[in-house]
C-alpha atoms as a PDB file:
ATOM      1  CA  MET A   1     -32.362  18.242 -14.134  1.00  0.00           C
ATOM      2  CA  LEU A   2     -34.029  16.150 -16.806  1.00  0.00           C
ATOM      3  CA  ALA A   3     -36.550  13.481 -15.868  1.00  0.00           C
ATOM      4  CA  GLN A   4     -38.832  11.181 -17.791  1.00  0.00           C
ATOM      5  CA  LEU A   5     -42.205   9.829 -16.721  1.00  0.00           C
ATOM      6  CA  THR A   6     -42.146   6.149 -15.823  1.00  0.00           C
ATOM      7  CA  LYS A   7     -45.261   3.985 -15.935  1.00  0.00           C
ATOM      8  CA  GLN A   8     -46.214   1.445 -13.300  1.00  0.00           C
ATOM      9  CA  GLY A   9     -49.657  -0.095 -13.674  1.00  0.00           C
ATOM     10  CA  ASP A  10     -52.187   2.693 -14.212  1.00  0.00           C
ATOM     11  CA  SER A  11     -49.918   5.322 -12.629  1.00  0.00           C
ATOM     12  CA  HIS A  12     -47.051   7.454 -13.860  1.00  0.00           C
ATOM     13  CA  TYR A  13     -44.268   8.919 -11.768  1.00  0.00           C
ATOM     14  CA  LEU A  14     -41.114  11.003 -11.954  1.00  0.00           C
ATOM     15  CA  ILE A  15     -37.917   9.677 -10.469  1.00  0.00           C
ATOM     16  CA  ILE A  16     -36.048  12.275  -8.415  1.00  0.00           C
ATOM     17  CA  GLY A  17     -32.473  11.328  -7.599  1.00  0.00           C
ATOM     18  CA  MET A  18     -31.492  11.233  -3.923  1.00  0.00           C
ATOM     19  CA  GLU A  19     -28.773  13.804  -4.628  1.00  0.00           C
ATOM     20  CA  ASN A  20     -31.571  16.381  -5.053  1.00  0.00           C
ATOM     21  CA  PHE A  21     -33.244  15.759  -1.690  1.00  0.00           C
ATOM     22  CA  GLU A  22     -30.864  17.640   0.616  1.00  0.00           C
ATOM     23  CA  PRO A  23     -30.443  20.822  -1.488  1.00  0.00           C
ATOM     24  CA  LEU A  24     -34.237  21.029  -1.834  1.00  0.00           C
ATOM     25  CA  ASN A  25     -34.739  20.172   1.845  1.00  0.00           C
ATOM     26  CA  ILE A  26     -37.237  17.407   0.997  1.00  0.00           C
ATOM     27  CA  ASN A  27     -37.746  13.840   2.165  1.00  0.00           C
ATOM     28  CA  PHE A  28     -40.224  11.011   1.653  1.00  0.00           C
ATOM     29  CA  ASP A  29     -42.790  12.755   3.877  1.00  0.00           C
ATOM     30  CA  THR A  30     -42.718  16.052   1.957  1.00  0.00           C
ATOM     31  CA  VAL A  31     -46.036  17.222   0.516  1.00  0.00           C
ATOM     32  CA  PHE A  32     -45.834  18.867  -2.901  1.00  0.00           C
ATOM     33  CA  ASN A  33     -47.984  21.438  -4.671  1.00  0.00           C
ATOM     34  CA  ILE A  34     -48.225  20.594  -8.381  1.00  0.00           C
ATOM     35  CA  SER A  35     -49.486  23.310 -10.702  1.00  0.00           C
ATOM     36  CA  THR A  36     -49.621  23.907 -14.428  1.00  0.00           C
ATOM     37  CA  ASP A  37     -50.235  26.898 -16.651  1.00  0.00           C
ATOM     38  CA  GLY A  38     -51.075  24.775 -19.699  1.00  0.00           C
ATOM     39  CA  GLU A  39     -47.496  24.749 -20.976  1.00  0.00           C
ATOM     40  CA  LYS A  40     -45.371  23.733 -18.009  1.00  0.00           C
ATOM     41  CA  MET A  41     -45.729  21.898 -14.722  1.00  0.00           C
ATOM     42  CA  THR A  42     -44.275  23.220 -11.469  1.00  0.00           C
ATOM     43  CA  ILE A  43     -43.640  20.975  -8.466  1.00  0.00           C
ATOM     44  CA  GLN A  44     -42.952  22.798  -5.193  1.00  0.00           C
ATOM     45  CA  PRO A  45     -42.596  21.454  -1.655  1.00  0.00           C
ATOM     46  CA  VAL A  46     -45.265  22.776   0.711  1.00  0.00           C
ATOM     47  CA  GLU A  47     -43.888  24.356   3.859  1.00  0.00           C
ATOM     48  CA  GLN A  48     -45.343  22.583   6.884  1.00  0.00           C
ATOM     49  CA  GLU A  49     -45.795  24.840   9.886  1.00  0.00           C
ATOM     50  CA  SER A  50     -44.573  23.503  13.191  1.00  0.00           C
ATOM     51  CA  GLU A  51     -47.244  23.845  15.865  1.00  0.00           C
ATOM     52  CA  GLY A  52     -46.067  25.107  19.227  1.00  0.00           C
ATOM     53  CA  VAL A  53     -42.407  25.368  18.184  1.00  0.00           C
ATOM     54  CA  SER A  54     -40.521  28.647  18.258  1.00  0.00           C
ATOM     55  CA  GLU A  55     -39.293  30.102  14.985  1.00  0.00           C
ATOM     56  CA  GLU A  56     -35.708  29.734  16.211  1.00  0.00           C
ATOM     57  CA  LEU A  57     -36.090  26.027  16.979  1.00  0.00           C
ATOM     58  CA  ALA A  58     -38.145  24.993  13.916  1.00  0.00           C
ATOM     59  CA  PRO A  59     -35.231  24.898  11.388  1.00  0.00           C
ATOM     60  CA  PHE A  60     -33.195  22.640  13.687  1.00  0.00           C
ATOM     61  CA  LEU A  61     -36.119  20.261  14.210  1.00  0.00           C
ATOM     62  CA  LYS A  62     -36.777  20.183  10.468  1.00  0.00           C
ATOM     63  CA  ASP A  63     -33.110  19.342   9.813  1.00  0.00           C
ATOM     64  CA  ILE A  64     -33.181  16.543  12.411  1.00  0.00           C
ATOM     65  CA  ASN A  65     -36.383  15.163  10.891  1.00  0.00           C
ATOM     66  CA  ASN A  66     -34.916  15.284   7.366  1.00  0.00           C
ATOM     67  CA  ARG A  67     -31.731  13.518   8.437  1.00  0.00           C
ATOM     68  CA  TYR A  68     -33.066  11.007  10.951  1.00  0.00           C
ATOM     69  CA  GLY A  69     -36.825  10.834  10.328  1.00  0.00           C
ATOM     70  CA  GLU A  70     -36.847   7.239   9.060  1.00  0.00           C
ATOM     71  CA  THR A  71     -34.696   6.035  11.958  1.00  0.00           C
ATOM     72  CA  LEU A  72     -36.840   7.864  14.510  1.00  0.00           C
ATOM     73  CA  LYS A  73     -39.997   6.291  13.047  1.00  0.00           C
ATOM     74  CA  ARG A  74     -38.483   2.826  13.392  1.00  0.00           C
ATOM     75  CA  LEU A  75     -37.508   3.548  17.004  1.00  0.00           C
ATOM     76  CA  ALA A  76     -40.997   4.822  17.939  1.00  0.00           C
END
């Protein structure tokens, strides 16, 4: 995927197409680790551990949150 930095005010940002969210299992609440080795930049989602949730249940809850997180926030 190619992307170009876009400037808005004093900030710059990369636009990531929505078609990349599901395969990467990311959403608008995902925290990213950004690192560089001086030649390239790597952006990786940080795995958030679920407190008090079994390992078997965590993937299902994560999927529900990714799919319906925005709707659930509005309903809360």
